[in-house]
């Protein structure tokens, strides 16, 4: 929400719409309050930022017989809630846990920045040799279907748009004064090399840029000829992050 409000404020400034720009600017400033951010979204036990909302871990998919047209029963995979959801932090580490980092809201000297670097570089959470996976292996819904017809789209695979934003933040934190700048630079170099190497390898093997990449073997997945987000690889090669 901070990133969206900040972008809308910048667009309003370009369009010379001071009223809208001021409104979005106030929202962006409110959401950039580091203490408020931590109060609402930081889990000190896990050292990570989480979503907040109605949630329960007691959910499963089960096959059931459902009456269809003509009284012919069919089998459907349906969601079964075993415990009522309650308002709480949603304990799943993934790209969503890094948005404060991507938005550069964390002070360079904060210990929370070190925790973010830990999440990024840990192979049990997000790190792979091909880029950062979208959801940690430690999550209970890692590579799990949401419904019968909704496969784990953002529950493991590697997405270039998120990796680009994370690289941009790593580059930023590697250049500002702080106790973690050297570590940020090392992680930046390793992640950048992994992303470029994997995209180029897949292109040489298939002739395509892919929508997403498998987190286990790096193989291209989803739509091919995907020159949208995956074309960000060109900016990664050029280390062009000034406008991000």
C-alpha atoms as a PDB file:
ATOM      1  CA  UNK A   1       0.000   0.000   0.000  1.00  0.00           C
ATOM      2  CA  UNK A   2       2.893   2.360   0.729  1.00  0.00           C
ATOM      3  CA  UNK A   3       4.460   1.646  -2.644  1.00  0.00           C
ATOM      4  CA  UNK A   4       1.134   2.153  -4.444  1.00  0.00           C
ATOM      5  CA  UNK A   5       0.413   5.417  -2.611  1.00  0.00           C
ATOM      6  CA  UNK A   6       3.918   6.711  -3.316  1.00  0.00           C
ATOM      7  CA  UNK A   7       3.579   5.871  -7.016  1.00  0.00           C
ATOM      8  CA  UNK A   8       0.164   7.558  -7.227  1.00  0.00           C
ATOM      9  CA  UNK A   9       1.583  10.651  -5.542  1.00  0.00           C
ATOM     10  CA  UNK A  10       4.411  10.794  -8.100  1.00  0.00           C
ATOM     11  CA  UNK A  11       1.969  10.349 -10.997  1.00  0.00           C
ATOM     12  CA  UNK A  12      -0.242  13.130  -9.610  1.00  0.00           C
ATOM     13  CA  UNK A  13       2.789  15.428  -9.437  1.00  0.00           C
ATOM     14  CA  UNK A  14       3.592  14.702 -13.083  1.00  0.00           C
ATOM     15  CA  UNK A  15      -0.036  15.488 -14.009  1.00  0.00           C
ATOM     16  CA  UNK A  16       0.108  18.650 -11.885  1.00  0.00           C
ATOM     17  CA  UNK A  17      -2.822  17.486  -9.754  1.00  0.00           C
ATOM     18  CA  UNK A  18      -1.831  18.878  -6.380  1.00  0.00           C
ATOM     19  CA  UNK A  19      -4.978  17.803  -4.508  1.00  0.00           C
ATOM     20  CA  UNK A  20      -4.686  14.126  -5.431  1.00  0.00           C
ATOM     21  CA  UNK A  21      -0.917  14.267  -5.030  1.00  0.00           C
ATOM     22  CA  UNK A  22      -1.244  15.666  -1.519  1.00  0.00           C
ATOM     23  CA  UNK A  23      -3.792  13.010  -0.531  1.00  0.00           C
ATOM     24  CA  UNK A  24      -1.644  10.115  -1.723  1.00  0.00           C
ATOM     25  CA  UNK A  25       1.467  11.760  -0.311  1.00  0.00           C
ATOM     26  CA  UNK A  26      -0.085  11.888   3.152  1.00  0.00           C
ATOM     27  CA  UNK A  27      -1.025   8.216   2.865  1.00  0.00           C
ATOM     28  CA  UNK A  28       2.509   7.285   1.789  1.00  0.00           C
ATOM     29  CA  UNK A  29       3.992   9.247   4.691  1.00  0.00           C
ATOM     30  CA  UNK A  30       1.664   7.562   7.175  1.00  0.00           C
ATOM     31  CA  UNK A  31       2.516   4.097   5.883  1.00  0.00           C
ATOM     32  CA  UNK A  32       6.251   4.840   5.979  1.00  0.00           C
ATOM     33  CA  UNK A  33       6.160   5.240   9.773  1.00  0.00           C
ATOM     34  CA  UNK A  34       8.625   2.532  10.838  1.00  0.00           C
ATOM     35  CA  UNK A  35       7.272   2.164  14.371  1.00  0.00           C
ATOM     36  CA  UNK A  36       3.688   1.885  13.117  1.00  0.00           C
ATOM     37  CA  UNK A  37       4.766  -0.636  10.476  1.00  0.00           C
ATOM     38  CA  UNK A  38       6.409  -2.837  13.101  1.00  0.00           C
ATOM     39  CA  UNK A  39       3.454  -2.518  15.450  1.00  0.00           C
ATOM     40  CA  UNK A  40       1.058  -3.722  12.750  1.00  0.00           C
ATOM     41  CA  UNK A  41       3.068  -6.283  10.794  1.00  0.00           C
ATOM     42  CA  UNK A  42       6.324  -7.370  12.446  1.00  0.00           C
ATOM     43  CA  UNK A  43       6.446 -10.680  14.297  1.00  0.00           C
ATOM     44  CA  UNK A  44       9.302 -10.551  16.797  1.00  0.00           C
ATOM     45  CA  UNK A  45       9.276 -14.292  17.417  1.00  0.00           C
ATOM     46  CA  UNK A  46       9.902 -15.057  13.741  1.00  0.00           C
ATOM     47  CA  UNK A  47      11.816 -11.883  12.929  1.00  0.00           C
ATOM     48  CA  UNK A  48       9.656 -11.298   9.847  1.00  0.00           C
ATOM     49  CA  UNK A  49       6.885  -9.120   8.468  1.00  0.00           C
ATOM     50  CA  UNK A  50       3.532 -10.845   7.967  1.00  0.00           C
ATOM     51  CA  UNK A  51       0.145  -9.993   6.516  1.00  0.00           C
ATOM     52  CA  UNK A  52      -2.654  -9.392   9.007  1.00  0.00           C
ATOM     53  CA  UNK A  53      -6.157 -10.750   8.502  1.00  0.00           C
ATOM     54  CA  UNK A  54      -8.648 -13.546   9.117  1.00  0.00           C
ATOM     55  CA  UNK A  55      -6.621 -16.735   9.106  1.00  0.00           C
ATOM     56  CA  UNK A  56      -6.528 -20.322  10.273  1.00  0.00           C
ATOM     57  CA  UNK A  57      -3.979 -23.046   9.646  1.00  0.00           C
ATOM     58  CA  UNK A  58      -6.665 -25.705  10.059  1.00  0.00           C
ATOM     59  CA  UNK A  59      -7.695 -25.938   6.397  1.00  0.00           C
ATOM     60  CA  UNK A  60      -7.456 -28.805   3.947  1.00  0.00           C
ATOM     61  CA  UNK A  61      -8.684 -29.869   0.519  1.00  0.00           C
ATOM     62  CA  UNK A  62     -10.914 -32.951   0.501  1.00  0.00           C
ATOM     63  CA  UNK A  63     -12.652 -34.938  -2.216  1.00  0.00           C
ATOM     64  CA  UNK A  64     -16.435 -34.922  -1.927  1.00  0.00           C
ATOM     65  CA  UNK A  65     -19.342 -36.253  -3.972  1.00  0.00           C
ATOM     66  CA  UNK A  66     -21.416 -33.380  -5.340  1.00  0.00           C
ATOM     67  CA  UNK A  67     -24.780 -33.709  -7.082  1.00  0.00           C
ATOM     68  CA  UNK A  68     -24.513 -32.372 -10.620  1.00  0.00           C
ATOM     69  CA  UNK A  69     -27.092 -31.765 -13.355  1.00  0.00           C
ATOM     70  CA  UNK A  70     -29.204 -34.832 -14.064  1.00  0.00           C
ATOM     71  CA  UNK A  71     -28.571 -36.173 -10.554  1.00  0.00           C
ATOM     72  CA  UNK A  72     -25.204 -37.555 -11.614  1.00  0.00           C
ATOM     73  CA  UNK A  73     -22.768 -37.248  -8.698  1.00  0.00           C
ATOM     74  CA  UNK A  74     -19.275 -35.968  -9.421  1.00  0.00           C
ATOM     75  CA  UNK A  75     -16.142 -35.772  -7.312  1.00  0.00           C
ATOM     76  CA  UNK A  76     -14.873 -32.295  -6.501  1.00  0.00           C
ATOM     77  CA  UNK A  77     -11.920 -31.139  -4.460  1.00  0.00           C
ATOM     78  CA  UNK A  78     -13.357 -28.677  -1.951  1.00  0.00           C
ATOM     79  CA  UNK A  79     -11.876 -26.598   0.832  1.00  0.00           C
ATOM     80  CA  UNK A  80     -12.662 -27.816   4.327  1.00  0.00           C
ATOM     81  CA  UNK A  81     -12.216 -25.365   7.217  1.00  0.00           C
ATOM     82  CA  UNK A  82     -11.591 -27.235  10.474  1.00  0.00           C
ATOM     83  CA  UNK A  83     -11.139 -24.201  12.703  1.00  0.00           C
ATOM     84  CA  UNK A  84     -12.782 -20.784  12.435  1.00  0.00           C
ATOM     85  CA  UNK A  85     -10.417 -18.081  11.123  1.00  0.00           C
ATOM     86  CA  UNK A  86      -9.490 -15.287  13.522  1.00  0.00           C
ATOM     87  CA  UNK A  87      -7.790 -11.928  13.047  1.00  0.00           C
ATOM     88  CA  UNK A  88      -4.065 -12.495  13.406  1.00  0.00           C
ATOM     89  CA  UNK A  89      -0.693 -12.236  11.703  1.00  0.00           C
ATOM     90  CA  UNK A  90      -0.576 -14.715   8.819  1.00  0.00           C
ATOM     91  CA  UNK A  91       2.580 -16.796   9.513  1.00  0.00           C
ATOM     92  CA  UNK A  92       3.840 -17.391   5.977  1.00  0.00           C
ATOM     93  CA  UNK A  93       7.200 -16.055   4.809  1.00  0.00           C
ATOM     94  CA  UNK A  94       7.432 -15.071   1.162  1.00  0.00           C
ATOM     95  CA  UNK A  95       7.703 -12.064  -1.119  1.00  0.00           C
ATOM     96  CA  UNK A  96       5.013 -10.450   1.043  1.00  0.00           C
ATOM     97  CA  UNK A  97       7.464 -10.459   3.972  1.00  0.00           C
ATOM     98  CA  UNK A  98       9.920  -8.300   2.037  1.00  0.00           C
ATOM     99  CA  UNK A  99       7.754  -5.365   0.931  1.00  0.00           C
ATOM    100  CA  UNK A 100       9.049  -3.077   3.721  1.00  0.00           C
ATOM    101  CA  UNK A 101      12.551  -4.002   2.526  1.00  0.00           C
ATOM    102  CA  UNK A 102      11.650  -3.428  -1.131  1.00  0.00           C
ATOM    103  CA  UNK A 103      10.139  -0.055  -0.219  1.00  0.00           C
ATOM    104  CA  UNK A 104      13.319   0.871   1.709  1.00  0.00           C
ATOM    105  CA  UNK A 105      11.318   1.648   4.838  1.00  0.00           C
ATOM    106  CA  UNK A 106      13.812  -0.089   7.140  1.00  0.00           C
ATOM    107  CA  UNK A 107      16.585   2.171   8.498  1.00  0.00           C
ATOM    108  CA  UNK A 108      20.051   1.014   7.331  1.00  0.00           C
ATOM    109  CA  UNK A 109      21.252   0.593  10.920  1.00  0.00           C
ATOM    110  CA  UNK A 110      18.223  -1.389  12.153  1.00  0.00           C
ATOM    111  CA  UNK A 111      18.653  -4.964  13.349  1.00  0.00           C
ATOM    112  CA  UNK A 112      15.472  -5.742  11.426  1.00  0.00           C
ATOM    113  CA  UNK A 113      17.415  -5.147   8.211  1.00  0.00           C
ATOM    114  CA  UNK A 114      19.755  -7.960   9.221  1.00  0.00           C
ATOM    115  CA  UNK A 115      16.712 -10.214   9.748  1.00  0.00           C
ATOM    116  CA  UNK A 116      15.497  -9.376   6.245  1.00  0.00           C
ATOM    117  CA  UNK A 117      18.885 -10.293   4.801  1.00  0.00           C
ATOM    118  CA  UNK A 118      18.703 -13.566   6.744  1.00  0.00           C
ATOM    119  CA  UNK A 119      15.344 -14.416   5.141  1.00  0.00           C
ATOM    120  CA  UNK A 120      16.616 -13.588   1.669  1.00  0.00           C
ATOM    121  CA  UNK A 121      19.815 -15.638   1.925  1.00  0.00           C
ATOM    122  CA  UNK A 122      18.423 -18.678   3.777  1.00  0.00           C
ATOM    123  CA  UNK A 123      17.920 -21.735   1.544  1.00  0.00           C
ATOM    124  CA  UNK A 124      15.165 -22.989   3.868  1.00  0.00           C
ATOM    125  CA  UNK A 125      13.147 -19.853   3.219  1.00  0.00           C
ATOM    126  CA  UNK A 126      13.580 -17.958  -0.063  1.00  0.00           C
ATOM    127  CA  UNK A 127      17.051 -18.508  -1.543  1.00  0.00           C
ATOM    128  CA  UNK A 128      17.638 -20.793  -4.536  1.00  0.00           C
ATOM    129  CA  UNK A 129      20.378 -20.995  -7.152  1.00  0.00           C
ATOM    130  CA  UNK A 130      17.940 -19.545  -9.711  1.00  0.00           C
ATOM    131  CA  UNK A 131      16.421 -16.606  -7.827  1.00  0.00           C
ATOM    132  CA  UNK A 132      14.241 -16.037  -4.783  1.00  0.00           C
ATOM    133  CA  UNK A 133      11.203 -18.310  -4.498  1.00  0.00           C
ATOM    134  CA  UNK A 134       7.842 -16.704  -3.840  1.00  0.00           C
ATOM    135  CA  UNK A 135       7.031 -18.671  -0.689  1.00  0.00           C
ATOM    136  CA  UNK A 136       9.296 -20.244   1.910  1.00  0.00           C
ATOM    137  CA  UNK A 137       9.714 -24.003   2.045  1.00  0.00           C
ATOM    138  CA  UNK A 138       8.803 -23.739   5.728  1.00  0.00           C
ATOM    139  CA  UNK A 139       5.270 -22.583   4.894  1.00  0.00           C
ATOM    140  CA  UNK A 140       2.403 -25.037   5.384  1.00  0.00           C
ATOM    141  CA  UNK A 141       0.995 -24.014   1.983  1.00  0.00           C
ATOM    142  CA  UNK A 142       4.273 -24.204   0.077  1.00  0.00           C
ATOM    143  CA  UNK A 143       3.475 -25.633  -3.389  1.00  0.00           C
ATOM    144  CA  UNK A 144      -0.050 -26.505  -2.226  1.00  0.00           C
ATOM    145  CA  UNK A 145      -3.127 -25.992  -4.366  1.00  0.00           C
ATOM    146  CA  UNK A 146      -5.639 -23.343  -3.308  1.00  0.00           C
ATOM    147  CA  UNK A 147      -8.523 -25.130  -5.029  1.00  0.00           C
ATOM    148  CA  UNK A 148      -8.881 -27.988  -7.497  1.00  0.00           C
ATOM    149  CA  UNK A 149      -8.458 -25.528 -10.370  1.00  0.00           C
ATOM    150  CA  UNK A 150      -6.047 -23.118  -8.700  1.00  0.00           C
ATOM    151  CA  UNK A 151      -2.492 -24.537  -8.656  1.00  0.00           C
ATOM    152  CA  UNK A 152       0.315 -23.034  -6.506  1.00  0.00           C
ATOM    153  CA  UNK A 153       0.925 -20.045  -8.771  1.00  0.00           C
ATOM    154  CA  UNK A 154       2.620 -17.795  -6.196  1.00  0.00           C
ATOM    155  CA  UNK A 155       3.441 -20.500  -3.674  1.00  0.00           C
ATOM    156  CA  UNK A 156       6.979 -21.361  -4.695  1.00  0.00           C
ATOM    157  CA  UNK A 157       7.894 -20.386  -8.276  1.00  0.00           C
ATOM    158  CA  UNK A 158      10.378 -17.589  -8.996  1.00  0.00           C
ATOM    159  CA  UNK A 159       9.006 -14.307 -10.382  1.00  0.00           C
ATOM    160  CA  UNK A 160      11.258 -11.728 -12.006  1.00  0.00           C
ATOM    161  CA  UNK A 161       9.290  -8.616 -10.980  1.00  0.00           C
ATOM    162  CA  UNK A 162       9.690  -9.334  -7.273  1.00  0.00           C
ATOM    163  CA  UNK A 163      13.336 -10.337  -7.667  1.00  0.00           C
ATOM    164  CA  UNK A 164      13.995  -7.079  -9.512  1.00  0.00           C
ATOM    165  CA  UNK A 165      12.513  -5.013  -6.688  1.00  0.00           C
ATOM    166  CA  UNK A 166      14.489  -6.978  -4.112  1.00  0.00           C
ATOM    167  CA  UNK A 167      17.688  -6.465  -6.119  1.00  0.00           C
ATOM    168  CA  UNK A 168      16.953  -2.746  -6.274  1.00  0.00           C
ATOM    169  CA  UNK A 169      16.642  -2.618  -2.482  1.00  0.00           C
ATOM    170  CA  UNK A 170      19.788  -4.709  -1.989  1.00  0.00           C
ATOM    171  CA  UNK A 171      21.648  -2.317  -4.255  1.00  0.00           C
ATOM    172  CA  UNK A 172      20.332   0.636  -2.240  1.00  0.00           C
ATOM    173  CA  UNK A 173      21.322  -0.833   1.126  1.00  0.00           C
ATOM    174  CA  UNK A 174      24.754  -1.767  -0.226  1.00  0.00           C
ATOM    175  CA  UNK A 175      25.436   1.893  -1.022  1.00  0.00           C
ATOM    176  CA  UNK A 176      24.165   3.687   2.095  1.00  0.00           C
ATOM    177  CA  UNK A 177      26.132   3.851   5.333  1.00  0.00           C
ATOM    178  CA  UNK A 178      25.242   1.086   7.753  1.00  0.00           C
ATOM    179  CA  UNK A 179      26.565  -2.069   9.404  1.00  0.00           C
ATOM    180  CA  UNK A 180      24.982  -4.372   6.817  1.00  0.00           C
ATOM    181  CA  UNK A 181      26.088  -2.725   3.574  1.00  0.00           C
ATOM    182  CA  UNK A 182      28.832  -5.274   2.808  1.00  0.00           C
ATOM    183  CA  UNK A 183      26.499  -8.202   3.365  1.00  0.00           C
ATOM    184  CA  UNK A 184      23.819  -6.558   1.223  1.00  0.00           C
ATOM    185  CA  UNK A 185      26.382  -6.164  -1.568  1.00  0.00           C
ATOM    186  CA  UNK A 186      27.421  -9.824  -1.401  1.00  0.00           C
ATOM    187  CA  UNK A 187      23.813 -11.031  -1.517  1.00  0.00           C
ATOM    188  CA  UNK A 188      23.075  -8.577  -4.329  1.00  0.00           C
ATOM    189  CA  UNK A 189      25.916  -9.904  -6.484  1.00  0.00           C
ATOM    190  CA  UNK A 190      25.008 -13.550  -5.881  1.00  0.00           C
ATOM    191  CA  UNK A 191      21.284 -13.052  -6.536  1.00  0.00           C
ATOM    192  CA  UNK A 192      21.888 -10.974  -9.665  1.00  0.00           C
ATOM    193  CA  UNK A 193      24.256 -13.595 -11.086  1.00  0.00           C
ATOM    194  CA  UNK A 194      21.817 -16.425 -10.337  1.00  0.00           C
ATOM    195  CA  UNK A 195      18.898 -14.665 -12.035  1.00  0.00           C
ATOM    196  CA  UNK A 196      20.813 -13.699 -15.162  1.00  0.00           C
ATOM    197  CA  UNK A 197      22.454 -17.099 -15.506  1.00  0.00           C
ATOM    198  CA  UNK A 198      19.142 -18.954 -15.245  1.00  0.00           C
ATOM    199  CA  UNK A 199      17.170 -16.735 -17.628  1.00  0.00           C
ATOM    200  CA  UNK A 200      19.943 -16.863 -20.232  1.00  0.00           C
ATOM    201  CA  UNK A 201      20.268 -20.644 -19.872  1.00  0.00           C
ATOM    202  CA  UNK A 202      16.543 -21.131 -20.399  1.00  0.00           C
ATOM    203  CA  UNK A 203      16.570 -18.794 -23.389  1.00  0.00           C
ATOM    204  CA  UNK A 204      19.445 -20.680 -24.982  1.00  0.00           C
ATOM    205  CA  UNK A 205      17.673 -24.007 -24.396  1.00  0.00           C
ATOM    206  CA  UNK A 206      14.124 -23.006 -25.415  1.00  0.00           C
ATOM    207  CA  UNK A 207      14.310 -19.700 -27.262  1.00  0.00           C
ATOM    208  CA  UNK A 208      11.844 -18.118 -24.818  1.00  0.00           C
ATOM    209  CA  UNK A 209      11.568 -15.842 -21.827  1.00  0.00           C
ATOM    210  CA  UNK A 210       9.156 -17.458 -19.386  1.00  0.00           C
ATOM    211  CA  UNK A 211       6.458 -16.131 -17.066  1.00  0.00           C
ATOM    212  CA  UNK A 212       8.023 -17.762 -13.999  1.00  0.00           C
ATOM    213  CA  UNK A 213      10.794 -20.207 -13.190  1.00  0.00           C
ATOM    214  CA  UNK A 214      10.793 -23.432 -11.206  1.00  0.00           C
ATOM    215  CA  UNK A 215      12.427 -23.034  -7.809  1.00  0.00           C
ATOM    216  CA  UNK A 216      13.951 -26.530  -7.810  1.00  0.00           C
ATOM    217  CA  UNK A 217      15.568 -26.795 -11.242  1.00  0.00           C
ATOM    218  CA  UNK A 218      15.170 -23.295 -12.649  1.00  0.00           C
ATOM    219  CA  UNK A 219      13.108 -24.472 -15.627  1.00  0.00           C
ATOM    220  CA  UNK A 220      10.863 -21.913 -17.325  1.00  0.00           C
ATOM    221  CA  UNK A 221       7.148 -22.296 -16.540  1.00  0.00           C
ATOM    222  CA  UNK A 222       3.804 -20.728 -17.379  1.00  0.00           C
ATOM    223  CA  UNK A 223       3.398 -18.480 -20.411  1.00  0.00           C
ATOM    224  CA  UNK A 224       6.290 -18.289 -22.843  1.00  0.00           C
ATOM    225  CA  UNK A 225       7.225 -15.260 -24.929  1.00  0.00           C
ATOM    226  CA  UNK A 226       6.655 -13.462 -21.633  1.00  0.00           C
ATOM    227  CA  UNK A 227       8.436 -10.184 -22.368  1.00  0.00           C
ATOM    228  CA  UNK A 228       6.592  -8.367 -19.598  1.00  0.00           C
ATOM    229  CA  UNK A 229       8.044  -8.786 -16.138  1.00  0.00           C
ATOM    230  CA  UNK A 230      10.751 -11.186 -17.275  1.00  0.00           C
ATOM    231  CA  UNK A 231      12.147  -8.514 -19.604  1.00  0.00           C
ATOM    232  CA  UNK A 232      13.322  -6.833 -16.402  1.00  0.00           C
ATOM    233  CA  UNK A 233      16.321  -9.127 -16.820  1.00  0.00           C
ATOM    234  CA  UNK A 234      17.674  -6.515 -19.240  1.00  0.00           C
ATOM    235  CA  UNK A 235      17.545  -3.861 -16.506  1.00  0.00           C
ATOM    236  CA  UNK A 236      19.137  -6.293 -14.067  1.00  0.00           C
ATOM    237  CA  UNK A 237      21.996  -6.818 -16.526  1.00  0.00           C
ATOM    238  CA  UNK A 238      22.372  -3.045 -16.880  1.00  0.00           C
ATOM    239  CA  UNK A 239      22.028  -2.570 -13.097  1.00  0.00           C
ATOM    240  CA  UNK A 240      19.395   0.071 -13.810  1.00  0.00           C
ATOM    241  CA  UNK A 241      17.505   0.754 -10.598  1.00  0.00           C
ATOM    242  CA  UNK A 242      17.575   4.548 -10.360  1.00  0.00           C
ATOM    243  CA  UNK A 243      13.838   4.939 -10.982  1.00  0.00           C
ATOM    244  CA  UNK A 244      12.780   2.003  -8.786  1.00  0.00           C
END
